Amino acid sequence: VTILQQRTVDLVVTDIFIPLGATPGGPLGPRARKYKETVRHLGGLVLLDELERVKNPPIVLAHTACTDFELIEVLGDRVEARIPKPAPPDVMLGAILEALGLPTPR
């Protein structure tokens, strides 16, 4: 997150289930607070909350095997698209190019 605050990044691809290392600095954002009992395994939600604090937030793609509708719903508008796991390289590349508004190979 520190790098995202220092540099402009166009796109971030993240999973929902990312283990947190040390406790996040500062208060948890709204997504992470909703799942605070299990947030140590939901680092993707913490990342999304932190991206809300970045001056020019990047486009976010969620690459996840999560099928829990409530958890996917909490991602909200911050996530441009969800790429189901596992995704073959061509699907991943296509989603990235589409999110960036670039032409996709045929």
PDB file of N, CA and C in Angstrom:
ATOM      1  N   VAL A   1       0.834  -1.185   0.000  1.00  0.00           N
ATOM      2  CA  VAL A   1       0.000   0.000   0.000  1.00  0.00           C
ATOM      3  C   VAL A   1       0.878   1.247   0.000  1.00  0.00           C
ATOM      4  N   THR A   2       1.998   1.176   0.694  1.00  0.00           N
ATOM      5  CA  THR A   2       2.910   2.317   0.717  1.00  0.00           C
ATOM      6  C   THR A   2       3.362   2.667  -0.697  1.00  0.00           C
ATOM      7  N   ILE A   3       3.696   1.666  -1.483  1.00  0.00           N
ATOM      8  CA  ILE A   3       4.120   1.903  -2.869  1.00  0.00           C
ATOM      9  C   ILE A   3       2.989   2.540  -3.660  1.00  0.00           C
ATOM     10  N   LEU A   4       1.754   2.099  -3.432  1.00  0.00           N
ATOM     11  CA  LEU A   4       0.612   2.656  -4.148  1.00  0.00           C
ATOM     12  C   LEU A   4       0.365   4.114  -3.777  1.00  0.00           C
ATOM     13  N   GLN A   5       0.783   4.519  -2.595  1.00  0.00           N
ATOM     14  CA  GLN A   5       0.641   5.914  -2.187  1.00  0.00           C
ATOM     15  C   GLN A   5       1.766   6.775  -2.756  1.00  0.00           C
ATOM     16  N   GLN A   6       2.884   6.149  -3.116  1.00  0.00           N
ATOM     17  CA  GLN A   6       4.041   6.890  -3.616  1.00  0.00           C
ATOM     18  C   GLN A   6       4.112   6.936  -5.138  1.00  0.00           C
ATOM     19  N   ARG A   7       3.520   5.959  -5.797  1.00  0.00           N
ATOM     20  CA  ARG A   7       3.589   5.858  -7.255  1.00  0.00           C
ATOM     21  C   ARG A   7       2.196   5.680  -7.832  1.00  0.00           C
ATOM     22  N   THR A   8       2.047   6.078  -9.078  1.00  0.00           N
ATOM     23  CA  THR A   8       0.785   5.846  -9.773  1.00  0.00           C
ATOM     24  C   THR A   8       0.823   4.441 -10.370  1.00  0.00           C
ATOM     25  N   VAL A   9      -0.168   3.658 -10.039  1.00  0.00           N
ATOM     26  CA  VAL A   9      -0.297   2.290 -10.538  1.00  0.00           C
ATOM     27  C   VAL A   9      -1.621   2.219 -11.287  1.00  0.00           C
ATOM     28  N   ASP A  10      -1.604   1.650 -12.488  1.00  0.00           N
ATOM     29  CA  ASP A  10      -2.817   1.589 -13.297  1.00  0.00           C
ATOM     30  C   ASP A  10      -3.776   0.494 -12.861  1.00  0.00           C
ATOM     31  N   LEU A  11      -3.233  -0.647 -12.418  1.00  0.00           N
ATOM     32  CA  LEU A  11      -4.082  -1.807 -12.161  1.00  0.00           C
ATOM     33  C   LEU A  11      -3.506  -2.662 -11.041  1.00  0.00           C
ATOM     34  N   VAL A  12      -4.392  -3.202 -10.216  1.00  0.00           N
ATOM     35  CA  VAL A  12      -4.015  -4.155  -9.171  1.00  0.00           C
ATOM     36  C   VAL A  12      -4.891  -5.387  -9.343  1.00  0.00           C
ATOM     37  N   VAL A  13      -4.267  -6.554  -9.351  1.00  0.00           N
ATOM     38  CA  VAL A  13      -4.998  -7.819  -9.360  1.00  0.00           C
ATOM     39  C   VAL A  13      -4.782  -8.434  -7.985  1.00  0.00           C
ATOM     40  N   THR A  14      -5.879  -8.741  -7.293  1.00  0.00           N
ATOM     41  CA  THR A  14      -5.766  -9.268  -5.937  1.00  0.00           C
ATOM     42  C   THR A  14      -6.778 -10.381  -5.703  1.00  0.00           C
ATOM     43  N   ASP A  15      -6.495 -11.175  -4.714  1.00  0.00           N
ATOM     44  CA  ASP A  15      -7.434 -12.181  -4.230  1.00  0.00           C
ATOM     45  C   ASP A  15      -8.109 -11.593  -3.000  1.00  0.00           C
ATOM     46  N   ILE A  16      -9.181 -12.183  -2.561  1.00  0.00           N
ATOM     47  CA  ILE A  16      -9.820 -11.781  -1.305  1.00  0.00           C
ATOM     48  C   ILE A  16      -9.063 -12.417  -0.150  1.00  0.00           C
ATOM     49  N   PHE A  17      -8.705 -13.688  -0.326  1.00  0.00           N
ATOM     50  CA  PHE A  17      -8.065 -14.455   0.738  1.00  0.00           C
ATOM     51  C   PHE A  17      -6.549 -14.300   0.682  1.00  0.00           C
ATOM     52  N   ILE A  18      -6.055 -13.254   1.326  1.00  0.00           N
ATOM     53  CA  ILE A  18      -4.624 -13.000   1.437  1.00  0.00           C
ATOM     54  C   ILE A  18      -4.322 -12.921   2.926  1.00  0.00           C
ATOM     55  N   PRO A  19      -3.409 -13.752   3.424  1.00  0.00           N
ATOM     56  CA  PRO A  19      -3.098 -13.660   4.857  1.00  0.00           C
ATOM     57  C   PRO A  19      -2.418 -12.332   5.181  1.00  0.00           C
ATOM     58  N   LEU A  20      -2.828 -11.743   6.272  1.00  0.00           N
ATOM     59  CA  LEU A  20      -2.198 -10.508   6.742  1.00  0.00           C
ATOM     60  C   LEU A  20      -0.975 -10.856   7.561  1.00  0.00           C
ATOM     61  N   GLY A  21       0.056 -10.082   7.410  1.00  0.00           N
ATOM     62  CA  GLY A  21       1.227 -10.236   8.261  1.00  0.00           C
ATOM     63  C   GLY A  21       0.940  -9.539   9.574  1.00  0.00           C
ATOM     64  N   ALA A  22       1.619  -8.437   9.786  1.00  0.00           N
ATOM     65  CA  ALA A  22       1.387  -7.640  10.995  1.00  0.00           C
ATOM     66  C   ALA A  22       0.008  -6.985  10.904  1.00  0.00           C
ATOM     67  N   THR A  23      -0.507  -6.620  12.037  1.00  0.00           N
ATOM     68  CA  THR A  23      -1.796  -5.935  12.074  1.00  0.00           C
ATOM     69  C   THR A  23      -1.701  -4.674  11.229  1.00  0.00           C
ATOM     70  N   PRO A  24      -2.729  -4.401  10.401  1.00  0.00           N
ATOM     71  CA  PRO A  24      -2.667  -3.209   9.565  1.00  0.00           C
ATOM     72  C   PRO A  24      -2.543  -1.947  10.412  1.00  0.00           C
ATOM     73  N   GLY A  25      -1.734  -1.012   9.933  1.00  0.00           N
ATOM     74  CA  GLY A  25      -1.591   0.254  10.653  1.00  0.00           C
ATOM     75  C   GLY A  25      -2.846   1.084  10.480  1.00  0.00           C
ATOM     76  N   GLY A  26      -3.330   1.638  11.539  1.00  0.00           N
ATOM     77  CA  GLY A  26      -4.530   2.463  11.473  1.00  0.00           C
ATOM     78  C   GLY A  26      -5.788   1.632  11.605  1.00  0.00           C
ATOM     79  N   PRO A  27      -6.907   2.318  11.633  1.00  0.00           N
ATOM     80  CA  PRO A  27      -8.184   1.618  11.804  1.00  0.00           C
ATOM     81  C   PRO A  27      -8.567   0.829  10.554  1.00  0.00           C
ATOM     82  N   LEU A  28      -9.315  -0.245  10.760  1.00  0.00           N
ATOM     83  CA  LEU A  28      -9.803  -1.030   9.634  1.00  0.00           C
ATOM     84  C   LEU A  28     -10.872  -0.240   8.897  1.00  0.00           C
ATOM     85  N   GLY A  29     -10.904  -0.406   7.582  1.00  0.00           N
ATOM     86  CA  GLY A  29     -11.935   0.236   6.776  1.00  0.00           C
ATOM     87  C   GLY A  29     -13.236  -0.541   6.860  1.00  0.00           C
ATOM     88  N   PRO A  30     -14.276  -0.068   6.167  1.00  0.00           N
ATOM     89  CA  PRO A  30     -15.602  -0.680   6.288  1.00  0.00           C
ATOM     90  C   PRO A  30     -15.681  -2.133   5.843  1.00  0.00           C
ATOM     91  N   ARG A  31     -14.971  -2.499   4.789  1.00  0.00           N
ATOM     92  CA  ARG A  31     -15.021  -3.895   4.327  1.00  0.00           C
ATOM     93  C   ARG A  31     -14.391  -4.823   5.362  1.00  0.00           C
ATOM     94  N   ALA A  32     -13.200  -4.471   5.808  1.00  0.00           N
ATOM     95  CA  ALA A  32     -12.479  -5.313   6.764  1.00  0.00           C
ATOM     96  C   ALA A  32     -13.188  -5.361   8.115  1.00  0.00           C
ATOM     97  N   ARG A  33     -13.776  -4.251   8.544  1.00  0.00           N
ATOM     98  CA  ARG A  33     -14.500  -4.238   9.830  1.00  0.00           C
ATOM     99  C   ARG A  33     -15.655  -5.227   9.829  1.00  0.00           C
ATOM    100  N   LYS A  34     -16.308  -5.375   8.681  1.00  0.00           N
ATOM    101  CA  LYS A  34     -17.451  -6.286   8.590  1.00  0.00           C
ATOM    102  C   LYS A  34     -17.037  -7.725   8.908  1.00  0.00           C
ATOM    103  N   TYR A  35     -15.793  -8.063   8.626  1.00  0.00           N
ATOM    104  CA  TYR A  35     -15.290  -9.426   8.838  1.00  0.00           C
ATOM    105  C   TYR A  35     -14.117  -9.434   9.809  1.00  0.00           C
ATOM    106  N   LYS A  36     -14.128  -8.536  10.786  1.00  0.00           N
ATOM    107  CA  LYS A  36     -12.959  -8.368  11.662  1.00  0.00           C
ATOM    108  C   LYS A  36     -12.551  -9.636  12.395  1.00  0.00           C
ATOM    109  N   GLU A  37     -13.487 -10.557  12.647  1.00  0.00           N
ATOM    110  CA  GLU A  37     -13.135 -11.803  13.346  1.00  0.00           C
ATOM    111  C   GLU A  37     -12.246 -12.693  12.484  1.00  0.00           C
ATOM    112  N   THR A  38     -12.378 -12.588  11.173  1.00  0.00           N
ATOM    113  CA  THR A  38     -11.598 -13.440  10.271  1.00  0.00           C
ATOM    114  C   THR A  38     -10.703 -12.630   9.338  1.00  0.00           C
ATOM    115  N   VAL A  39     -10.510 -11.351   9.629  1.00  0.00           N
ATOM    116  CA  VAL A  39      -9.780 -10.472   8.713  1.00  0.00           C
ATOM    117  C   VAL A  39      -8.333 -10.920   8.496  1.00  0.00           C
ATOM    118  N   ARG A  40      -7.754 -11.682   9.408  1.00  0.00           N
ATOM    119  CA  ARG A  40      -6.372 -12.137   9.226  1.00  0.00           C
ATOM    120  C   ARG A  40      -6.216 -12.992   7.969  1.00  0.00           C
ATOM    121  N   HIS A  41      -7.334 -13.516   7.462  1.00  0.00           N
ATOM    122  CA  HIS A  41      -7.306 -14.314   6.235  1.00  0.00           C
ATOM    123  C   HIS A  41      -7.918 -13.556   5.061  1.00  0.00           C
ATOM    124  N   LEU A  42      -8.374 -12.339   5.307  1.00  0.00           N
ATOM    125  CA  LEU A  42      -9.060 -11.565   4.277  1.00  0.00           C
ATOM    126  C   LEU A  42      -8.294 -10.285   3.952  1.00  0.00           C
ATOM    127  N   GLY A  43      -7.009 -10.435   3.717  1.00  0.00           N
ATOM    128  CA  GLY A  43      -6.171  -9.279   3.419  1.00  0.00           C
ATOM    129  C   GLY A  43      -6.590  -8.522   2.175  1.00  0.00           C
ATOM    130  N   GLY A  44      -7.273  -9.193   1.252  1.00  0.00           N
ATOM    131  CA  GLY A  44      -7.769  -8.505   0.058  1.00  0.00           C
ATOM    132  C   GLY A  44      -8.764  -7.412   0.411  1.00  0.00           C
ATOM    133  N   LEU A  45      -9.582  -7.644   1.440  1.00  0.00           N
ATOM    134  CA  LEU A  45     -10.528  -6.614   1.880  1.00  0.00           C
ATOM    135  C   LEU A  45      -9.788  -5.439   2.503  1.00  0.00           C
ATOM    136  N   VAL A  46      -8.747  -5.733   3.269  1.00  0.00           N
ATOM    137  CA  VAL A  46      -7.937  -4.663   3.863  1.00  0.00           C
ATOM    138  C   VAL A  46      -7.280  -3.854   2.741  1.00  0.00           C
ATOM    139  N   LEU A  47      -6.760  -4.542   1.723  1.00  0.00           N
ATOM    140  CA  LEU A  47      -6.145  -3.851   0.593  1.00  0.00           C
ATOM    141  C   LEU A  47      -7.150  -2.928  -0.092  1.00  0.00           C
ATOM    142  N   LEU A  48      -8.365  -3.417  -0.335  1.00  0.00           N
ATOM    143  CA  LEU A  48      -9.381  -2.578  -0.979  1.00  0.00           C
ATOM    144  C   LEU A  48      -9.698  -1.345  -0.143  1.00  0.00           C
ATOM    145  N   ASP A  49      -9.816  -1.533   1.167  1.00  0.00           N
ATOM    146  CA  ASP A  49     -10.066  -0.386   2.045  1.00  0.00           C
ATOM    147  C   ASP A  49      -8.916   0.613   1.976  1.00  0.00           C
ATOM    148  N   GLU A  50      -7.687   0.108   1.950  1.00  0.00           N
ATOM    149  CA  GLU A  50      -6.525   0.995   1.877  1.00  0.00           C
ATOM    150  C   GLU A  50      -6.472   1.727   0.536  1.00  0.00           C
ATOM    151  N   LEU A  51      -6.900   1.068  -0.530  1.00  0.00           N
ATOM    152  CA  LEU A  51      -6.903   1.714  -1.843  1.00  0.00           C
ATOM    153  C   LEU A  51      -7.858   2.905  -1.881  1.00  0.00           C
ATOM    154  N   GLU A  52      -8.887   2.876  -1.040  1.00  0.00           N
ATOM    155  CA  GLU A  52      -9.813   4.014  -0.959  1.00  0.00           C
ATOM    156  C   GLU A  52      -9.090   5.261  -0.465  1.00  0.00           C
ATOM    157  N   ARG A  53      -7.983   5.091   0.236  1.00  0.00           N
ATOM    158  CA  ARG A  53      -7.232   6.217   0.802  1.00  0.00           C
ATOM    159  C   ARG A  53      -6.147   6.735  -0.138  1.00  0.00           C
ATOM    160  N   VAL A  54      -5.913   6.032  -1.234  1.00  0.00           N
ATOM    161  CA  VAL A  54      -4.888   6.430  -2.198  1.00  0.00           C
ATOM    162  C   VAL A  54      -5.435   7.573  -3.053  1.00  0.00           C
ATOM    163  N   LYS A  55      -4.585   8.565  -3.322  1.00  0.00           N
ATOM    164  CA  LYS A  55      -5.010   9.753  -4.067  1.00  0.00           C
ATOM    165  C   LYS A  55      -5.606   9.391  -5.429  1.00  0.00           C
ATOM    166  N   ASN A  56      -4.896   8.614  -6.219  1.00  0.00           N
ATOM    167  CA  ASN A  56      -5.381   8.162  -7.530  1.00  0.00           C
ATOM    168  C   ASN A  56      -5.447   6.643  -7.521  1.00  0.00           C
ATOM    169  N   PRO A  57      -6.541   6.065  -6.998  1.00  0.00           N
ATOM    170  CA  PRO A  57      -6.589   4.606  -6.864  1.00  0.00           C
ATOM    171  C   PRO A  57      -6.582   3.895  -8.221  1.00  0.00           C
ATOM    172  N   PRO A  58      -5.915   2.758  -8.279  1.00  0.00           N
ATOM    173  CA  PRO A  58      -5.859   1.991  -9.525  1.00  0.00           C
ATOM    174  C   PRO A  58      -7.153   1.225  -9.770  1.00  0.00           C
ATOM    175  N   ILE A  59      -7.282   0.727 -10.979  1.00  0.00           N
ATOM    176  CA  ILE A  59      -8.353  -0.215 -11.310  1.00  0.00           C
ATOM    177  C   ILE A  59      -8.032  -1.497 -10.551  1.00  0.00           C
ATOM    178  N   VAL A  60      -9.060  -2.163 -10.024  1.00  0.00           N
ATOM    179  CA  VAL A  60      -8.840  -3.387  -9.251  1.00  0.00           C
ATOM    180  C   VAL A  60      -9.608  -4.542  -9.888  1.00  0.00           C
ATOM    181  N   LEU A  61      -8.904  -5.648 -10.097  1.00  0.00           N
ATOM    182  CA  LEU A  61      -9.519  -6.902 -10.521  1.00  0.00           C
ATOM    183  C   LEU A  61      -9.379  -7.893  -9.377  1.00  0.00           C
ATOM    184  N   ALA A  62     -10.453  -8.594  -9.062  1.00  0.00           N
ATOM    185  CA  ALA A  62     -10.415  -9.622  -8.022  1.00  0.00           C
ATOM    186  C   ALA A  62     -10.248 -10.977  -8.699  1.00  0.00           C
ATOM    187  N   HIS A  63      -9.132 -11.635  -8.445  1.00  0.00           N
ATOM    188  CA  HIS A  63      -8.867 -12.976  -8.972  1.00  0.00           C
ATOM    189  C   HIS A  63      -9.046 -13.936  -7.810  1.00  0.00           C
ATOM    190  N   THR A  64     -10.190 -14.584  -7.765  1.00  0.00           N
ATOM    191  CA  THR A  64     -10.517 -15.362  -6.577  1.00  0.00           C
ATOM    192  C   THR A  64     -11.381 -16.569  -6.896  1.00  0.00           C
ATOM    193  N   ALA A  65     -11.250 -17.584  -6.077  1.00  0.00           N
ATOM    194  CA  ALA A  65     -12.106 -18.763  -6.173  1.00  0.00           C
ATOM    195  C   ALA A  65     -13.322 -18.616  -5.266  1.00  0.00           C
ATOM    196  N   CYS A  66     -13.405 -17.503  -4.565  1.00  0.00           N
ATOM    197  CA  CYS A  66     -14.502 -17.273  -3.622  1.00  0.00           C
ATOM    198  C   CYS A  66     -15.841 -17.268  -4.352  1.00  0.00           C
ATOM    199  N   THR A  67     -16.780 -18.031  -3.827  1.00  0.00           N
ATOM    200  CA  THR A  67     -18.133 -18.054  -4.382  1.00  0.00           C
ATOM    201  C   THR A  67     -19.157 -17.578  -3.360  1.00  0.00           C
ATOM    202  N   ASP A  68     -18.702 -17.100  -2.221  1.00  0.00           N
ATOM    203  CA  ASP A  68     -19.587 -16.577  -1.180  1.00  0.00           C
ATOM    204  C   ASP A  68     -20.146 -15.243  -1.663  1.00  0.00           C
ATOM    205  N   PHE A  69     -21.434 -15.245  -2.040  1.00  0.00           N
ATOM    206  CA  PHE A  69     -22.048 -14.059  -2.631  1.00  0.00           C
ATOM    207  C   PHE A  69     -21.929 -12.841  -1.727  1.00  0.00           C
ATOM    208  N   GLU A  70     -22.151 -13.023  -0.440  1.00  0.00           N
ATOM    209  CA  GLU A  70     -22.085 -11.890   0.491  1.00  0.00           C
ATOM    210  C   GLU A  70     -20.681 -11.285   0.519  1.00  0.00           C
ATOM    211  N   LEU A  71     -19.682 -12.131   0.494  1.00  0.00           N
ATOM    212  CA  LEU A  71     -18.301 -11.646   0.514  1.00  0.00           C
ATOM    213  C   LEU A  71     -17.952 -10.960  -0.808  1.00  0.00           C
ATOM    214  N   ILE A  72     -18.403 -11.517  -1.913  1.00  0.00           N
ATOM    215  CA  ILE A  72     -18.163 -10.889  -3.216  1.00  0.00           C
ATOM    216  C   ILE A  72     -18.889  -9.550  -3.289  1.00  0.00           C
ATOM    217  N   GLU A  73     -20.095  -9.499  -2.751  1.00  0.00           N
ATOM    218  CA  GLU A  73     -20.879  -8.268  -2.763  1.00  0.00           C
ATOM    219  C   GLU A  73     -20.181  -7.147  -1.990  1.00  0.00           C
ATOM    220  N   VAL A  74     -19.490  -7.487  -0.905  1.00  0.00           N
ATOM    221  CA  VAL A  74     -18.822  -6.474  -0.087  1.00  0.00           C
ATOM    222  C   VAL A  74     -17.638  -5.837  -0.837  1.00  0.00           C
ATOM    223  N   LEU A  75     -17.174  -6.460  -1.903  1.00  0.00           N
ATOM    224  CA  LEU A  75     -16.107  -5.854  -2.701  1.00  0.00           C
ATOM    225  C   LEU A  75     -16.560  -4.514  -3.263  1.00  0.00           C
ATOM    226  N   GLY A  76     -17.831  -4.435  -3.614  1.00  0.00           N
ATOM    227  CA  GLY A  76     -18.414  -3.169  -4.047  1.00  0.00           C
ATOM    228  C   GLY A  76     -17.893  -2.670  -5.379  1.00  0.00           C
ATOM    229  N   ASP A  77     -18.060  -1.371  -5.565  1.00  0.00           N
ATOM    230  CA  ASP A  77     -17.704  -0.726  -6.825  1.00  0.00           C
ATOM    231  C   ASP A  77     -16.200  -0.565  -7.020  1.00  0.00           C
ATOM    232  N   ARG A  78     -15.430  -0.769  -5.996  1.00  0.00           N
ATOM    233  CA  ARG A  78     -13.976  -0.612  -6.091  1.00  0.00           C
ATOM    234  C   ARG A  78     -13.368  -1.659  -7.037  1.00  0.00           C
ATOM    235  N   VAL A  79     -14.049  -2.800  -7.174  1.00  0.00           N
ATOM    236  CA  VAL A  79     -13.551  -3.876  -8.037  1.00  0.00           C
ATOM    237  C   VAL A  79     -14.222  -3.779  -9.404  1.00  0.00           C
ATOM    238  N   GLU A  80     -13.400  -3.633 -10.418  1.00  0.00           N
ATOM    239  CA  GLU A  80     -13.875  -3.500 -11.796  1.00  0.00           C
ATOM    240  C   GLU A  80     -14.487  -4.808 -12.303  1.00  0.00           C
ATOM    241  N   ALA A  81     -13.832  -5.930 -12.002  1.00  0.00           N
ATOM    242  CA  ALA A  81     -14.311  -7.230 -12.475  1.00  0.00           C
ATOM    243  C   ALA A  81     -13.753  -8.331 -11.587  1.00  0.00           C
ATOM    244  N   ARG A  82     -14.421  -9.471 -11.629  1.00  0.00           N
ATOM    245  CA  ARG A  82     -13.979 -10.651 -10.881  1.00  0.00           C
ATOM    246  C   ARG A  82     -13.535 -11.702 -11.886  1.00  0.00           C
ATOM    247  N   ILE A  83     -12.338 -12.212 -11.698  1.00  0.00           N
ATOM    248  CA  ILE A  83     -11.801 -13.267 -12.555  1.00  0.00           C
ATOM    249  C   ILE A  83     -11.776 -14.538 -11.717  1.00  0.00           C
ATOM    250  N   PRO A  84     -12.620 -15.523 -12.063  1.00  0.00           N
ATOM    251  CA  PRO A  84     -12.661 -16.751 -11.260  1.00  0.00           C
ATOM    252  C   PRO A  84     -11.348 -17.528 -11.348  1.00  0.00           C
ATOM    253  N   LYS A  85     -10.967 -18.138 -10.216  1.00  0.00           N
ATOM    254  CA  LYS A  85      -9.802 -19.029 -10.177  1.00  0.00           C
ATOM    255  C   LYS A  85     -10.269 -20.443 -10.428  1.00  0.00           C
ATOM    256  N   PRO A  86      -9.495 -21.249 -11.070  1.00  0.00           N
ATOM    257  CA  PRO A  86      -8.280 -20.893 -11.781  1.00  0.00           C
ATOM    258  C   PRO A  86      -8.641 -20.263 -13.128  1.00  0.00           C
ATOM    259  N   ALA A  87      -7.849 -19.335 -13.574  1.00  0.00           N
ATOM    260  CA  ALA A  87      -8.066 -18.691 -14.873  1.00  0.00           C
ATOM    261  C   ALA A  87      -6.861 -18.969 -15.758  1.00  0.00           C
ATOM    262  N   PRO A  88      -7.106 -19.470 -16.962  1.00  0.00           N
ATOM    263  CA  PRO A  88      -5.987 -19.673 -17.877  1.00  0.00           C
ATOM    264  C   PRO A  88      -5.348 -18.318 -18.218  1.00  0.00           C
ATOM    265  N   PRO A  89      -4.084 -18.327 -18.613  1.00  0.00           N
ATOM    266  CA  PRO A  89      -3.387 -17.070 -18.899  1.00  0.00           C
ATOM    267  C   PRO A  89      -4.116 -16.163 -19.896  1.00  0.00           C
ATOM    268  N   ASP A  90      -4.737 -16.757 -20.930  1.00  0.00           N
ATOM    269  CA  ASP A  90      -5.413 -15.916 -21.921  1.00  0.00           C
ATOM    270  C   ASP A  90      -6.625 -15.206 -21.326  1.00  0.00           C
ATOM    271  N   VAL A  91      -7.319 -15.848 -20.397  1.00  0.00           N
ATOM    272  CA  VAL A  91      -8.467 -15.220 -19.731  1.00  0.00           C
ATOM    273  C   VAL A  91      -7.982 -14.085 -18.828  1.00  0.00           C
ATOM    274  N   MET A  92      -6.924 -14.342 -18.074  1.00  0.00           N
ATOM    275  CA  MET A  92      -6.359 -13.318 -17.192  1.00  0.00           C
ATOM    276  C   MET A  92      -5.884 -12.121 -18.010  1.00  0.00           C
ATOM    277  N   LEU A  93      -5.115 -12.380 -19.059  1.00  0.00           N
ATOM    278  CA  LEU A  93      -4.609 -11.305 -19.905  1.00  0.00           C
ATOM    279  C   LEU A  93      -5.757 -10.523 -20.537  1.00  0.00           C
ATOM    280  N   GLY A  94      -6.767 -11.231 -21.023  1.00  0.00           N
ATOM    281  CA  GLY A  94      -7.924 -10.564 -21.625  1.00  0.00           C
ATOM    282  C   GLY A  94      -8.631  -9.650 -20.642  1.00  0.00           C
ATOM    283  N   ALA A  95      -8.802 -10.101 -19.404  1.00  0.00           N
ATOM    284  CA  ALA A  95      -9.464  -9.284 -18.379  1.00  0.00           C
ATOM    285  C   ALA A  95      -8.639  -8.042 -18.053  1.00  0.00           C
ATOM    286  N   ILE A  96      -7.326  -8.209 -17.988  1.00  0.00           N
ATOM    287  CA  ILE A  96      -6.442  -7.071 -17.699  1.00  0.00           C
ATOM    288  C   ILE A  96      -6.496  -6.056 -18.834  1.00  0.00           C
ATOM    289  N   LEU A  97      -6.366  -6.525 -20.069  1.00  0.00           N
ATOM    290  CA  LEU A  97      -6.407  -5.616 -21.215  1.00  0.00           C
ATOM    291  C   LEU A  97      -7.747  -4.892 -21.295  1.00  0.00           C
ATOM    292  N   GLU A  98      -8.827  -5.625 -21.073  1.00  0.00           N
ATOM    293  CA  GLU A  98     -10.161  -5.018 -21.107  1.00  0.00           C
ATOM    294  C   GLU A  98     -10.306  -3.955 -20.019  1.00  0.00           C
ATOM    295  N   ALA A  99      -9.854  -4.252 -18.814  1.00  0.00           N
ATOM    296  CA  ALA A  99      -9.956  -3.297 -17.705  1.00  0.00           C
ATOM    297  C   ALA A  99      -9.158  -2.025 -17.995  1.00  0.00           C
ATOM    298  N   LEU A 100      -8.049  -2.171 -18.706  1.00  0.00           N
ATOM    299  CA  LEU A 100      -7.210  -1.017 -19.047  1.00  0.00           C
ATOM    300  C   LEU A 100      -7.668  -0.313 -20.322  1.00  0.00           C
ATOM    301  N   GLY A 101      -8.709  -0.868 -20.960  1.00  0.00           N
ATOM    302  CA  GLY A 101      -9.222  -0.261 -22.189  1.00  0.00           C
ATOM    303  C   GLY A 101      -8.310  -0.464 -23.384  1.00  0.00           C
ATOM    304  N   LEU A 102      -7.536  -1.545 -23.352  1.00  0.00           N
ATOM    305  CA  LEU A 102      -6.611  -1.850 -24.441  1.00  0.00           C
ATOM    306  C   LEU A 102      -7.200  -2.939 -25.328  1.00  0.00           C
ATOM    307  N   PRO A 103      -6.791  -2.995 -26.601  1.00  0.00           N
ATOM    308  CA  PRO A 103      -7.319  -4.038 -27.485  1.00  0.00           C
ATOM    309  C   PRO A 103      -6.895  -5.425 -27.019  1.00  0.00           C
ATOM    310  N   THR A 104      -7.795  -6.363 -27.169  1.00  0.00           N
ATOM    311  CA  THR A 104      -7.501  -7.743 -26.777  1.00  0.00           C
ATOM    312  C   THR A 104      -7.142  -8.555 -28.018  1.00  0.00           C
ATOM    313  N   PRO A 105      -6.150  -9.441 -27.901  1.00  0.00           N
ATOM    314  CA  PRO A 105      -5.774 -10.273 -29.050  1.00  0.00           C
ATOM    315  C   PRO A 105      -6.894 -11.245 -29.401  1.00  0.00           C
ATOM    316  N   ARG A 106      -6.931 -11.620 -30.643  1.00  0.00           N
ATOM    317  CA  ARG A 106      -7.973 -12.559 -31.101  1.00  0.00           C
ATOM    318  C   ARG A 106      -7.368 -13.873 -31.481  1.00  0.00           C
TER     319      ARG A 106
END
